[in-house]
Amino acid sequence: MQYEQKYYYVYIMASGRNGTLYVGVTNDIARRAYEHKTHAVPGFTKKYNVDKLVYYERFTDIDRAIEQEKRLKRYHRNWKKDLIEGMNPDWHDLYDELNM
């Protein structure tokens, strides 16, 4: 019997380069980004049109993922921007890359 590795993701969604940011955690990044993109779930990201996946990290341990999510939520906006630009300097929507 093969064991399938489970992954957890900490991610940042944005309304645009200098727009509103949202930090979250999920075990299915493609599904969750799609929910944000289609405004399937009422709340903050729907209200502020936060629908572009601009950053994510992958973890094998849910506790480490949650710890990182909490850390990122405490970051100042400029630190989050630097983090995003380190991975995604042009702030491209990474959602399409997930489905390749």
C-alpha atoms as a PDB file:
ATOM      1  CA  MET A   1       0.000   0.000   0.000  1.00  0.00           C
ATOM      2  CA  GLN A   2       1.399   3.363  -1.027  1.00  0.00           C
ATOM      3  CA  TYR A   3       1.053   6.358   1.229  1.00  0.00           C
ATOM      4  CA  GLU A   4      -0.038   9.538  -0.550  1.00  0.00           C
ATOM      5  CA  GLN A   5       1.616  12.644   0.873  1.00  0.00           C
ATOM      6  CA  LYS A   6      -0.858  15.266   2.064  1.00  0.00           C
ATOM      7  CA  TYR A   7       0.044  18.911   1.599  1.00  0.00           C
ATOM      8  CA  TYR A   8      -1.171  22.109   3.223  1.00  0.00           C
ATOM      9  CA  TYR A   9      -0.800  25.566   1.738  1.00  0.00           C
ATOM     10  CA  VAL A  10      -0.475  29.055   3.142  1.00  0.00           C
ATOM     11  CA  TYR A  11      -1.461  31.534   0.479  1.00  0.00           C
ATOM     12  CA  ILE A  12      -1.973  35.206  -0.239  1.00  0.00           C
ATOM     13  CA  MET A  13      -4.746  36.490  -2.467  1.00  0.00           C
ATOM     14  CA  ALA A  14      -4.823  40.082  -3.743  1.00  0.00           C
ATOM     15  CA  SER A  15      -7.275  42.387  -5.450  1.00  0.00           C
ATOM     16  CA  GLY A  16      -4.329  43.885  -7.374  1.00  0.00           C
ATOM     17  CA  ARG A  17      -0.715  44.915  -6.982  1.00  0.00           C
ATOM     18  CA  ASN A  18      -1.445  47.692  -4.497  1.00  0.00           C
ATOM     19  CA  GLY A  19      -4.841  46.423  -3.448  1.00  0.00           C
ATOM     20  CA  THR A  20      -6.283  44.448  -0.593  1.00  0.00           C
ATOM     21  CA  LEU A  21      -4.451  41.315   0.636  1.00  0.00           C
ATOM     22  CA  TYR A  22      -5.841  38.176   2.247  1.00  0.00           C
ATOM     23  CA  VAL A  23      -3.829  35.409   3.952  1.00  0.00           C
ATOM     24  CA  GLY A  24      -5.284  31.913   4.323  1.00  0.00           C
ATOM     25  CA  VAL A  25      -4.474  28.239   4.796  1.00  0.00           C
ATOM     26  CA  THR A  26      -5.955  25.236   2.976  1.00  0.00           C
ATOM     27  CA  ASN A  27      -5.345  21.618   2.094  1.00  0.00           C
ATOM     28  CA  ASP A  28      -6.505  22.169  -1.521  1.00  0.00           C
ATOM     29  CA  ILE A  29      -4.983  25.303  -3.015  1.00  0.00           C
ATOM     30  CA  ALA A  30      -6.601  24.934  -6.455  1.00  0.00           C
ATOM     31  CA  ARG A  31     -10.102  24.528  -5.007  1.00  0.00           C
ATOM     32  CA  ARG A  32      -9.678  27.345  -2.516  1.00  0.00           C
ATOM     33  CA  ALA A  33      -8.242  29.792  -5.081  1.00  0.00           C
ATOM     34  CA  TYR A  34     -11.140  28.918  -7.397  1.00  0.00           C
ATOM     35  CA  GLU A  35     -13.616  29.677  -4.611  1.00  0.00           C
ATOM     36  CA  HIS A  36     -11.996  33.094  -4.136  1.00  0.00           C
ATOM     37  CA  LYS A  37     -11.914  33.761  -7.899  1.00  0.00           C
ATOM     38  CA  THR A  38     -15.584  32.921  -8.365  1.00  0.00           C
ATOM     39  CA  HIS A  39     -16.675  34.613  -5.119  1.00  0.00           C
ATOM     40  CA  ALA A  40     -18.310  31.331  -4.114  1.00  0.00           C
ATOM     41  CA  VAL A  41     -18.045  32.078  -0.401  1.00  0.00           C
ATOM     42  CA  PRO A  42     -19.468  35.277   1.076  1.00  0.00           C
ATOM     43  CA  GLY A  43     -17.118  37.327   3.199  1.00  0.00           C
ATOM     44  CA  PHE A  44     -14.021  39.492   3.081  1.00  0.00           C
ATOM     45  CA  THR A  45     -12.545  38.358  -0.246  1.00  0.00           C
ATOM     46  CA  LYS A  46     -15.866  38.621  -2.052  1.00  0.00           C
ATOM     47  CA  LYS A  47     -16.596  42.049  -0.553  1.00  0.00           C
ATOM     48  CA  TYR A  48     -13.195  43.451  -1.575  1.00  0.00           C
ATOM     49  CA  ASN A  49     -12.826  41.516  -4.878  1.00  0.00           C
ATOM     50  CA  VAL A  50      -9.698  39.706  -3.654  1.00  0.00           C
ATOM     51  CA  ASP A  51      -9.419  37.095  -6.397  1.00  0.00           C
ATOM     52  CA  LYS A  52      -5.797  36.758  -7.548  1.00  0.00           C
ATOM     53  CA  LEU A  53      -3.521  34.094  -6.088  1.00  0.00           C
ATOM     54  CA  VAL A  54      -0.175  35.891  -5.796  1.00  0.00           C
ATOM     55  CA  TYR A  55       1.772  33.760  -3.290  1.00  0.00           C
ATOM     56  CA  TYR A  56       1.743  30.342  -1.703  1.00  0.00           C
ATOM     57  CA  GLU A  57       3.909  27.998   0.349  1.00  0.00           C
ATOM     58  CA  ARG A  58       3.508  24.230   0.698  1.00  0.00           C
ATOM     59  CA  PHE A  59       3.822  22.296   3.964  1.00  0.00           C
ATOM     60  CA  THR A  60       3.536  18.646   4.956  1.00  0.00           C
ATOM     61  CA  ASP A  61       2.575  19.472   8.544  1.00  0.00           C
ATOM     62  CA  ILE A  62      -0.738  21.250   9.209  1.00  0.00           C
ATOM     63  CA  ASP A  63       0.548  22.724  12.471  1.00  0.00           C
ATOM     64  CA  ARG A  64       3.494  24.373  10.690  1.00  0.00           C
ATOM     65  CA  ALA A  65       1.134  25.693   7.999  1.00  0.00           C
ATOM     66  CA  ILE A  66      -1.207  27.226  10.571  1.00  0.00           C
ATOM     67  CA  GLU A  67       1.750  28.699  12.448  1.00  0.00           C
ATOM     68  CA  GLN A  68       3.006  30.305   9.213  1.00  0.00           C
ATOM     69  CA  GLU A  69      -0.467  31.627   8.373  1.00  0.00           C
ATOM     70  CA  LYS A  70      -0.651  33.323  11.773  1.00  0.00           C
ATOM     71  CA  ARG A  71       2.857  34.732  11.307  1.00  0.00           C
ATOM     72  CA  LEU A  72       2.001  36.172   7.881  1.00  0.00           C
ATOM     73  CA  LYS A  73      -1.186  37.732   9.200  1.00  0.00           C
ATOM     74  CA  ARG A  74       0.935  39.636  11.736  1.00  0.00           C
ATOM     75  CA  TYR A  75       3.365  40.880   9.047  1.00  0.00           C
ATOM     76  CA  HIS A  76       3.207  44.516   8.059  1.00  0.00           C
ATOM     77  CA  ARG A  77       1.883  45.121   4.563  1.00  0.00           C
ATOM     78  CA  ASN A  78       5.333  46.001   3.170  1.00  0.00           C
ATOM     79  CA  TRP A  79       6.758  42.709   4.445  1.00  0.00           C
ATOM     80  CA  LYS A  80       3.948  40.835   2.717  1.00  0.00           C
ATOM     81  CA  LYS A  81       4.620  42.755  -0.488  1.00  0.00           C
ATOM     82  CA  ASP A  82       8.327  41.869  -0.288  1.00  0.00           C
ATOM     83  CA  LEU A  83       7.444  38.211   0.297  1.00  0.00           C
ATOM     84  CA  ILE A  84       5.110  38.184  -2.714  1.00  0.00           C
ATOM     85  CA  GLU A  85       7.626  39.947  -4.944  1.00  0.00           C
ATOM     86  CA  GLY A  86      10.341  37.459  -3.955  1.00  0.00           C
ATOM     87  CA  MET A  87       8.275  34.654  -5.496  1.00  0.00           C
ATOM     88  CA  ASN A  88       6.147  36.577  -7.964  1.00  0.00           C
ATOM     89  CA  PRO A  89       7.758  39.929  -8.880  1.00  0.00           C
ATOM     90  CA  ASP A  90       5.084  40.870 -11.418  1.00  0.00           C
ATOM     91  CA  TRP A  91       2.151  39.841  -9.216  1.00  0.00           C
ATOM     92  CA  HIS A  92       0.841  37.384 -11.820  1.00  0.00           C
ATOM     93  CA  ASP A  93      -2.226  35.372 -10.868  1.00  0.00           C
ATOM     94  CA  LEU A  94      -0.691  31.975 -10.045  1.00  0.00           C
ATOM     95  CA  TYR A  95      -4.018  30.144 -10.267  1.00  0.00           C
ATOM     96  CA  ASP A  96      -3.467  29.037 -13.880  1.00  0.00           C
ATOM     97  CA  GLU A  97      -0.099  27.530 -12.980  1.00  0.00           C
ATOM     98  CA  LEU A  98      -1.797  25.253 -10.447  1.00  0.00           C
ATOM     99  CA  ASN A  99      -3.791  23.554 -13.183  1.00  0.00           C
ATOM    100  CA  MET A 100      -0.911  22.795 -15.569  1.00  0.00           C
END
